[in-house]
Amino acid sequence: MTIRATHEIHKRRFSRNLGVGVTLVAFIVLVFGLTIAKVQSGGTIQAYDHTYRPALLPQDD
């Protein structure tokens, strides 16, 4: 015997899950968009890796 009737709590859970899912997708799109914008800017992309980098020293002209 299967239960087919949807209870009111199932509707509330679905709407809450849908809201969390939409928020998660929006966050992923935001991070992806920022990553694409950073890569397309073409600047030097260097990470902080605890090593000496002469490129960061001020240039003496």
PDB file of N, CA and C in Angstrom:
ATOM      1  N   MET A   1       0.839  -1.164   0.000  1.00  0.00           N
ATOM      2  CA  MET A   1       0.000   0.000   0.000  1.00  0.00           C
ATOM      3  C   MET A   1       0.898   1.246   0.000  1.00  0.00           C
ATOM      4  N   THR A   2       0.781   2.029  -1.026  1.00  0.00           N
ATOM      5  CA  THR A   2       1.585   3.248  -1.118  1.00  0.00           C
ATOM      6  C   THR A   2       0.747   4.460  -0.739  1.00  0.00           C
ATOM      7  N   ILE A   3       1.413   5.419  -0.177  1.00  0.00           N
ATOM      8  CA  ILE A   3       0.743   6.658   0.223  1.00  0.00           C
ATOM      9  C   ILE A   3       0.934   7.667  -0.898  1.00  0.00           C
ATOM     10  N   ARG A   4      -0.129   8.131  -1.480  1.00  0.00           N
ATOM     11  CA  ARG A   4      -0.064   9.041  -2.612  1.00  0.00           C
ATOM     12  C   ARG A   4      -0.360  10.493  -2.239  1.00  0.00           C
ATOM     13  N   ALA A   5      -1.074  10.711  -1.177  1.00  0.00           N
ATOM     14  CA  ALA A   5      -1.486  12.070  -0.824  1.00  0.00           C
ATOM     15  C   ALA A   5      -0.281  12.880  -0.348  1.00  0.00           C
ATOM     16  N   THR A   6      -0.144  14.090  -0.882  1.00  0.00           N
ATOM     17  CA  THR A   6       0.938  14.970  -0.439  1.00  0.00           C
ATOM     18  C   THR A   6       0.434  15.807   0.722  1.00  0.00           C
ATOM     19  N   HIS A   7       1.201  15.780   1.736  1.00  0.00           N
ATOM     20  CA  HIS A   7       0.838  16.520   2.932  1.00  0.00           C
ATOM     21  C   HIS A   7       1.312  17.966   2.784  1.00  0.00           C
ATOM     22  N   GLU A   8       0.798  18.835   3.603  1.00  0.00           N
ATOM     23  CA  GLU A   8       1.156  20.257   3.555  1.00  0.00           C
ATOM     24  C   GLU A   8       2.640  20.458   3.864  1.00  0.00           C
ATOM     25  N   ILE A   9       3.211  19.597   4.684  1.00  0.00           N
ATOM     26  CA  ILE A   9       4.630  19.738   5.021  1.00  0.00           C
ATOM     27  C   ILE A   9       5.516  19.425   3.820  1.00  0.00           C
ATOM     28  N   HIS A  10       5.065  18.569   2.920  1.00  0.00           N
ATOM     29  CA  HIS A  10       5.840  18.266   1.718  1.00  0.00           C
ATOM     30  C   HIS A  10       5.926  19.495   0.816  1.00  0.00           C
ATOM     31  N   LYS A  11       4.853  20.256   0.736  1.00  0.00           N
ATOM     32  CA  LYS A  11       4.858  21.480  -0.074  1.00  0.00           C
ATOM     33  C   LYS A  11       5.816  22.507   0.513  1.00  0.00           C
ATOM     34  N   ARG A  12       5.829  22.627   1.842  1.00  0.00           N
ATOM     35  CA  ARG A  12       6.734  23.580   2.484  1.00  0.00           C
ATOM     36  C   ARG A  12       8.189  23.150   2.315  1.00  0.00           C
ATOM     37  N   ARG A  13       8.459  21.871   2.446  1.00  0.00           N
ATOM     38  CA  ARG A  13       9.828  21.378   2.256  1.00  0.00           C
ATOM     39  C   ARG A  13      10.294  21.599   0.827  1.00  0.00           C
ATOM     40  N   PHE A  14       9.405  21.359  -0.134  1.00  0.00           N
ATOM     41  CA  PHE A  14       9.779  21.553  -1.534  1.00  0.00           C
ATOM     42  C   PHE A  14      10.118  23.006  -1.808  1.00  0.00           C
ATOM     43  N   SER A  15       9.313  23.928  -1.293  1.00  0.00           N
ATOM     44  CA  SER A  15       9.588  25.337  -1.552  1.00  0.00           C
ATOM     45  C   SER A  15      10.880  25.776  -0.863  1.00  0.00           C
ATOM     46  N   ARG A  16      11.142  25.244   0.318  1.00  0.00           N
ATOM     47  CA  ARG A  16      12.387  25.567   1.016  1.00  0.00           C
ATOM     48  C   ARG A  16      13.582  24.984   0.264  1.00  0.00           C
ATOM     49  N   ASN A  17      13.474  23.749  -0.199  1.00  0.00           N
ATOM     50  CA  ASN A  17      14.558  23.135  -0.965  1.00  0.00           C
ATOM     51  C   ASN A  17      14.787  23.864  -2.281  1.00  0.00           C
ATOM     52  N   LEU A  18      13.720  24.299  -2.908  1.00  0.00           N
ATOM     53  CA  LEU A  18      13.844  25.054  -4.151  1.00  0.00           C
ATOM     54  C   LEU A  18      14.567  26.374  -3.903  1.00  0.00           C
ATOM     55  N   GLY A  19      14.241  27.045  -2.812  1.00  0.00           N
ATOM     56  CA  GLY A  19      14.917  28.298  -2.469  1.00  0.00           C
ATOM     57  C   GLY A  19      16.394  28.102  -2.210  1.00  0.00           C
ATOM     58  N   VAL A  20      16.750  27.046  -1.492  1.00  0.00           N
ATOM     59  CA  VAL A  20      18.154  26.759  -1.227  1.00  0.00           C
ATOM     60  C   VAL A  20      18.871  26.408  -2.525  1.00  0.00           C
ATOM     61  N   GLY A  21      18.221  25.650  -3.386  1.00  0.00           N
ATOM     62  CA  GLY A  21      18.826  25.288  -4.668  1.00  0.00           C
ATOM     63  C   GLY A  21      19.062  26.486  -5.563  1.00  0.00           C
ATOM     64  N   VAL A  22      18.095  27.394  -5.628  1.00  0.00           N
ATOM     65  CA  VAL A  22      18.252  28.601  -6.446  1.00  0.00           C
ATOM     66  C   VAL A  22      19.371  29.474  -5.891  1.00  0.00           C
ATOM     67  N   THR A  23      19.445  29.592  -4.569  1.00  0.00           N
ATOM     68  CA  THR A  23      20.516  30.374  -3.946  1.00  0.00           C
ATOM     69  C   THR A  23      21.882  29.765  -4.238  1.00  0.00           C
ATOM     70  N   LEU A  24      21.984  28.455  -4.176  1.00  0.00           N
ATOM     71  CA  LEU A  24      23.250  27.775  -4.462  1.00  0.00           C
ATOM     72  C   LEU A  24      23.665  27.979  -5.916  1.00  0.00           C
ATOM     73  N   VAL A  25      22.733  27.859  -6.833  1.00  0.00           N
ATOM     74  CA  VAL A  25      23.038  28.068  -8.249  1.00  0.00           C
ATOM     75  C   VAL A  25      23.462  29.521  -8.495  1.00  0.00           C
ATOM     76  N   ALA A  26      22.804  30.474  -7.845  1.00  0.00           N
ATOM     77  CA  ALA A  26      23.171  31.885  -8.001  1.00  0.00           C
ATOM     78  C   ALA A  26      24.583  32.136  -7.484  1.00  0.00           C
ATOM     79  N   PHE A  27      24.957  31.515  -6.371  1.00  0.00           N
ATOM     80  CA  PHE A  27      26.307  31.672  -5.834  1.00  0.00           C
ATOM     81  C   PHE A  27      27.342  31.075  -6.782  1.00  0.00           C
ATOM     82  N   ILE A  28      27.042  29.919  -7.345  1.00  0.00           N
ATOM     83  CA  ILE A  28      27.969  29.276  -8.283  1.00  0.00           C
ATOM     84  C   ILE A  28      28.149  30.138  -9.526  1.00  0.00           C
ATOM     85  N   VAL A  29      27.067  30.703 -10.034  1.00  0.00           N
ATOM     86  CA  VAL A  29      27.145  31.574 -11.212  1.00  0.00           C
ATOM     87  C   VAL A  29      27.964  32.821 -10.889  1.00  0.00           C
ATOM     88  N   LEU A  30      27.795  33.380  -9.695  1.00  0.00           N
ATOM     89  CA  LEU A  30      28.555  34.562  -9.295  1.00  0.00           C
ATOM     90  C   LEU A  30      30.050  34.264  -9.229  1.00  0.00           C
ATOM     91  N   VAL A  31      30.429  33.158  -8.606  1.00  0.00           N
ATOM     92  CA  VAL A  31      31.842  32.799  -8.506  1.00  0.00           C
ATOM     93  C   VAL A  31      32.419  32.500  -9.881  1.00  0.00           C
ATOM     94  N   PHE A  32      31.665  31.822 -10.714  1.00  0.00           N
ATOM     95  CA  PHE A  32      32.141  31.522 -12.071  1.00  0.00           C
ATOM     96  C   PHE A  32      32.325  32.805 -12.877  1.00  0.00           C
ATOM     97  N   GLY A  33      31.373  33.724 -12.761  1.00  0.00           N
ATOM     98  CA  GLY A  33      31.479  35.000 -13.478  1.00  0.00           C
ATOM     99  C   GLY A  33      32.671  35.818 -13.018  1.00  0.00           C
ATOM    100  N   LEU A  34      32.908  35.857 -11.717  1.00  0.00           N
ATOM    101  CA  LEU A  34      34.079  36.582 -11.212  1.00  0.00           C
ATOM    102  C   LEU A  34      35.376  35.931 -11.672  1.00  0.00           C
ATOM    103  N   THR A  35      35.393  34.618 -11.744  1.00  0.00           N
ATOM    104  CA  THR A  35      36.584  33.915 -12.218  1.00  0.00           C
ATOM    105  C   THR A  35      36.849  34.228 -13.678  1.00  0.00           C
ATOM    106  N   ILE A  36      35.816  34.214 -14.487  1.00  0.00           N
ATOM    107  CA  ILE A  36      35.981  34.529 -15.913  1.00  0.00           C
ATOM    108  C   ILE A  36      36.444  35.969 -16.086  1.00  0.00           C
ATOM    109  N   ALA A  37      35.888  36.897 -15.316  1.00  0.00           N
ATOM    110  CA  ALA A  37      36.298  38.296 -15.418  1.00  0.00           C
ATOM    111  C   ALA A  37      37.755  38.469 -15.008  1.00  0.00           C
ATOM    112  N   LYS A  38      38.198  37.757 -13.999  1.00  0.00           N
ATOM    113  CA  LYS A  38      39.589  37.843 -13.547  1.00  0.00           C
ATOM    114  C   LYS A  38      40.542  37.288 -14.599  1.00  0.00           C
ATOM    115  N   VAL A  39      40.166  36.181 -15.212  1.00  0.00           N
ATOM    116  CA  VAL A  39      41.038  35.562 -16.210  1.00  0.00           C
ATOM    117  C   VAL A  39      41.090  36.409 -17.475  1.00  0.00           C
ATOM    118  N   GLN A  40      39.985  36.998 -17.872  1.00  0.00           N
ATOM    119  CA  GLN A  40      39.950  37.782 -19.105  1.00  0.00           C
ATOM    120  C   GLN A  40      40.620  39.139 -18.963  1.00  0.00           C
ATOM    121  N   SER A  41      40.826  39.616 -17.724  1.00  0.00           N
ATOM    122  CA  SER A  41      41.463  40.923 -17.549  1.00  0.00           C
ATOM    123  C   SER A  41      42.906  40.893 -18.028  1.00  0.00           C
ATOM    124  N   GLY A  42      43.536  39.745 -18.011  1.00  0.00           N
ATOM    125  CA  GLY A  42      44.861  39.587 -18.587  1.00  0.00           C
ATOM    126  C   GLY A  42      45.993  40.058 -17.700  1.00  0.00           C
ATOM    127  N   GLY A  43      45.726  40.495 -16.490  1.00  0.00           N
ATOM    128  CA  GLY A  43      46.790  40.927 -15.595  1.00  0.00           C
ATOM    129  C   GLY A  43      47.596  39.746 -15.103  1.00  0.00           C
ATOM    130  N   THR A  44      48.607  40.064 -14.314  1.00  0.00           N
ATOM    131  CA  THR A  44      49.393  38.981 -13.750  1.00  0.00           C
ATOM    132  C   THR A  44      48.571  38.302 -12.669  1.00  0.00           C
ATOM    133  N   ILE A  45      48.441  37.024 -12.795  1.00  0.00           N
ATOM    134  CA  ILE A  45      47.683  36.251 -11.824  1.00  0.00           C
ATOM    135  C   ILE A  45      48.688  35.471 -10.989  1.00  0.00           C
ATOM    136  N   GLN A  46      48.950  35.981  -9.801  1.00  0.00           N
ATOM    137  CA  GLN A  46      49.898  35.330  -8.913  1.00  0.00           C
ATOM    138  C   GLN A  46      49.211  35.062  -7.587  1.00  0.00           C
ATOM    139  N   ALA A  47      49.456  33.921  -7.061  1.00  0.00           N
ATOM    140  CA  ALA A  47      48.876  33.562  -5.774  1.00  0.00           C
ATOM    141  C   ALA A  47      49.898  33.800  -4.674  1.00  0.00           C
ATOM    142  N   TYR A  48      49.403  33.937  -3.482  1.00  0.00           N
ATOM    143  CA  TYR A  48      50.285  34.085  -2.324  1.00  0.00           C
ATOM    144  C   TYR A  48      50.701  32.697  -1.887  1.00  0.00           C
ATOM    145  N   ASP A  49      51.963  32.354  -2.168  1.00  0.00           N
ATOM    146  CA  ASP A  49      52.419  30.995  -1.890  1.00  0.00           C
ATOM    147  C   ASP A  49      53.638  30.966  -0.978  1.00  0.00           C
ATOM    148  N   HIS A  50      53.854  32.026  -0.192  1.00  0.00           N
ATOM    149  CA  HIS A  50      54.916  32.097   0.803  1.00  0.00           C
ATOM    150  C   HIS A  50      56.302  31.956   0.188  1.00  0.00           C
ATOM    151  N   THR A  51      56.495  32.474  -0.990  1.00  0.00           N
ATOM    152  CA  THR A  51      57.813  32.452  -1.605  1.00  0.00           C
ATOM    153  C   THR A  51      58.205  33.861  -1.999  1.00  0.00           C
ATOM    154  N   TYR A  52      59.482  34.055  -2.207  1.00  0.00           N
ATOM    155  CA  TYR A  52      60.014  35.337  -2.625  1.00  0.00           C
ATOM    156  C   TYR A  52      59.694  35.569  -4.099  1.00  0.00           C
ATOM    157  N   ARG A  53      59.068  36.706  -4.410  1.00  0.00           N
ATOM    158  CA  ARG A  53      58.727  37.021  -5.791  1.00  0.00           C
ATOM    159  C   ARG A  53      59.290  38.402  -6.143  1.00  0.00           C
ATOM    160  N   PRO A  54      60.307  38.443  -6.951  1.00  0.00           N
ATOM    161  CA  PRO A  54      60.908  39.736  -7.321  1.00  0.00           C
ATOM    162  C   PRO A  54      59.939  40.628  -8.105  1.00  0.00           C
ATOM    163  N   ALA A  55      58.933  40.076  -8.713  1.00  0.00           N
ATOM    164  CA  ALA A  55      57.997  40.864  -9.503  1.00  0.00           C
ATOM    165  C   ALA A  55      57.203  41.830  -8.631  1.00  0.00           C
ATOM    166  N   LEU A  56      57.122  41.573  -7.334  1.00  0.00           N
ATOM    167  CA  LEU A  56      56.354  42.431  -6.455  1.00  0.00           C
ATOM    168  C   LEU A  56      57.175  43.568  -5.871  1.00  0.00           C
ATOM    169  N   LEU A  57      58.499  43.552  -6.068  1.00  0.00           N
ATOM    170  CA  LEU A  57      59.329  44.630  -5.553  1.00  0.00           C
ATOM    171  C   LEU A  57      59.131  45.901  -6.371  1.00  0.00           C
ATOM    172  N   PRO A  58      59.222  47.076  -5.738  1.00  0.00           N
ATOM    173  CA  PRO A  58      59.094  48.327  -6.500  1.00  0.00           C
ATOM    174  C   PRO A  58      60.248  48.470  -7.490  1.00  0.00           C
ATOM    175  N   GLN A  59      59.922  48.996  -8.647  1.00  0.00           N
ATOM    176  CA  GLN A  59      60.921  49.164  -9.708  1.00  0.00           C
ATOM    177  C   GLN A  59      61.720  50.431  -9.451  1.00  0.00           C
ATOM    178  N   ASP A  60      63.056  50.331  -9.516  1.00  0.00           N
ATOM    179  CA  ASP A  60      63.943  51.502  -9.383  1.00  0.00           C
ATOM    180  C   ASP A  60      64.238  52.041 -10.769  1.00  0.00           C
ATOM    181  N   ASP A  61      63.764  53.249 -11.022  1.00  0.00           N
ATOM    182  CA  ASP A  61      64.023  53.847 -12.359  1.00  0.00           C
ATOM    183  C   ASP A  61      65.118  54.878 -12.300  1.00  0.00           C
TER     184      ASP A  61
END
